[in-house]
């Protein structure tokens, strides 16, 4: 049917060794309108469930940075979704284990800060449905 969008399909699983320190956020997408003279506004919920996002930072060796950079290129940045297991105990490199698995994509650019002997990588993942 014209106008329908196919569901996202994961193409890979993010290696668990690349991410160990992260901050998880959960947000309800809301569209605000109004801004009335008395200070009130109207809000319309945009989704039935909250959306998870993760900000990840880690010191990587040059080899680990190359692996992360190659994975980012494989996913064409934010274009292709992949599976991610934030809990290392649930990790499955094939992506078939569903417990603790999230379908995510990169949100924005992959960046690094050079340090002596290591690079500090930072990235953001956002859950997709």
Protein backbone atom coordinates (compact mmCIF):
# COMPACT_ATOMS: atom_id res chain seq x y z
CA UNK A 1 0.00 0.00 0.00
CA UNK A 2 1.51 3.37 -0.94
CA UNK A 3 2.67 5.47 1.96
CA UNK A 4 3.39 2.61 4.35
CA UNK A 5 6.84 2.42 5.89
CA UNK A 6 8.41 -0.96 6.46
CA UNK A 7 9.48 -1.89 9.98
CA UNK A 8 13.15 -1.43 10.78
CA UNK A 9 15.27 -4.56 10.49
CA UNK A 10 18.60 -4.91 12.27
CA UNK A 11 21.63 -5.54 10.08
CA UNK A 12 24.21 -6.21 12.81
CA UNK A 13 24.92 -6.45 16.54
CA UNK A 14 27.13 -3.85 18.20
CA UNK A 15 30.18 -5.49 19.81
CA UNK A 16 29.84 -5.48 23.59
CA UNK A 17 33.51 -4.69 24.18
CA UNK A 18 33.16 -1.24 22.62
CA UNK A 19 30.73 0.19 25.14
CA UNK A 20 30.94 -0.13 28.88
CA UNK A 21 30.13 3.29 30.34
CA UNK A 22 26.81 4.80 29.35
CA UNK A 23 24.04 7.07 30.58
CA UNK A 24 20.47 5.97 29.82
CA UNK A 25 17.63 8.44 29.37
CA UNK A 26 13.95 7.85 28.79
CA UNK A 27 11.65 10.43 27.23
CA UNK A 28 8.04 10.65 26.13
CA UNK A 29 7.80 12.40 22.76
CA UNK A 30 5.43 15.34 23.15
CA UNK A 31 4.46 18.10 20.74
CA UNK A 32 3.75 21.38 22.48
CA UNK A 33 1.47 24.04 21.09
CA UNK A 34 0.08 27.21 22.44
CA UNK A 35 2.15 29.49 24.52
CA UNK A 36 -0.90 31.46 25.54
CA UNK A 37 -0.75 34.90 27.13
CA UNK A 38 -1.42 33.49 30.60
CA UNK A 39 1.56 31.10 30.32
CA UNK A 40 -0.38 27.90 29.61
CA UNK A 41 0.34 25.53 26.77
CA UNK A 42 -1.16 22.40 25.27
CA UNK A 43 0.75 19.15 24.87
CA UNK A 44 -0.06 16.22 22.61
CA UNK A 45 1.55 12.84 23.18
CA UNK A 46 3.32 11.59 20.05
CA UNK A 47 3.82 7.95 21.07
CA UNK A 48 2.29 5.25 23.24
CA UNK A 49 5.60 4.29 24.86
CA UNK A 50 8.67 6.12 26.07
CA UNK A 51 11.83 6.21 23.98
CA UNK A 52 15.19 5.10 25.36
CA UNK A 53 18.46 6.78 24.46
CA UNK A 54 22.01 6.11 25.57
CA UNK A 55 25.03 8.40 25.68
CA UNK A 56 28.18 6.32 25.56
CA UNK A 57 31.75 7.27 26.27
CA UNK A 58 34.83 5.11 26.57
CA UNK A 59 38.60 5.26 26.29
CA UNK A 60 39.59 3.07 23.35
CA UNK A 61 42.86 1.79 22.01
CA UNK A 62 43.56 2.58 18.38
CA UNK A 63 42.48 -0.95 17.35
CA UNK A 64 39.20 -0.59 19.27
CA UNK A 65 38.63 2.81 17.67
CA UNK A 66 39.12 1.28 14.22
CA UNK A 67 36.60 -1.47 15.06
CA UNK A 68 34.03 1.08 16.27
CA UNK A 69 34.64 3.30 13.25
CA UNK A 70 34.23 0.31 10.91
CA UNK A 71 30.96 -0.65 12.64
CA UNK A 72 29.72 2.95 12.28
CA UNK A 73 30.55 2.85 8.56
CA UNK A 74 28.83 -0.55 8.18
CA UNK A 75 25.65 1.02 9.57
CA UNK A 76 26.06 4.08 7.31
CA UNK A 77 25.97 6.26 10.40
CA UNK A 78 22.38 6.69 11.53
CA UNK A 79 20.85 5.03 8.45
CA UNK A 80 20.83 1.34 9.41
CA UNK A 81 19.51 -0.05 12.70
CA UNK A 82 21.32 -2.68 14.74
CA UNK A 83 20.87 -4.61 17.96
CA UNK A 84 22.50 -3.48 21.18
CA UNK A 85 22.70 -5.26 24.53
CA UNK A 86 23.43 -2.76 27.33
CA UNK A 87 23.77 -5.59 29.86
CA UNK A 88 26.88 -7.63 29.08
CA UNK A 89 25.33 -10.73 30.70
CA UNK A 90 22.61 -10.75 28.01
CA UNK A 91 24.99 -10.22 25.07
CA UNK A 92 24.58 -12.48 22.05
CA UNK A 93 26.77 -11.76 19.00
CA UNK A 94 24.17 -13.28 16.66
CA UNK A 95 21.34 -11.05 17.92
CA UNK A 96 18.92 -13.96 18.30
CA UNK A 97 18.64 -13.73 22.11
CA UNK A 98 15.78 -11.28 22.74
CA UNK A 99 16.17 -10.66 26.48
CA UNK A 100 17.80 -7.28 27.06
CA UNK A 101 18.10 -6.56 23.34
CA UNK A 102 17.24 -3.15 21.89
CA UNK A 103 16.81 -2.15 18.27
CA UNK A 104 18.77 1.09 17.99
CA UNK A 105 20.51 3.42 15.58
CA UNK A 106 23.27 5.97 15.95
CA UNK A 107 21.99 9.45 16.76
CA UNK A 108 24.38 11.93 15.23
CA UNK A 109 28.07 11.75 14.62
CA UNK A 110 30.71 9.53 16.13
CA UNK A 111 33.38 11.67 17.77
CA UNK A 112 36.68 11.13 19.49
CA UNK A 113 39.12 13.09 21.57
CA UNK A 114 42.78 12.23 21.20
CA UNK A 115 44.71 11.37 24.36
CA UNK A 116 48.12 9.90 24.89
CA UNK A 117 47.87 6.25 23.82
CA UNK A 118 44.06 6.17 23.66
CA UNK A 119 41.12 7.92 22.08
CA UNK A 120 38.06 8.96 24.05
CA UNK A 121 35.08 8.00 21.89
CA UNK A 122 31.60 9.37 22.43
CA UNK A 123 28.39 8.52 20.67
CA UNK A 124 24.65 8.43 21.19
CA UNK A 125 22.23 5.58 20.49
CA UNK A 126 18.46 5.98 20.22
CA UNK A 127 15.88 3.20 20.36
CA UNK A 128 13.62 2.69 17.39
CA UNK A 129 10.41 0.69 17.28
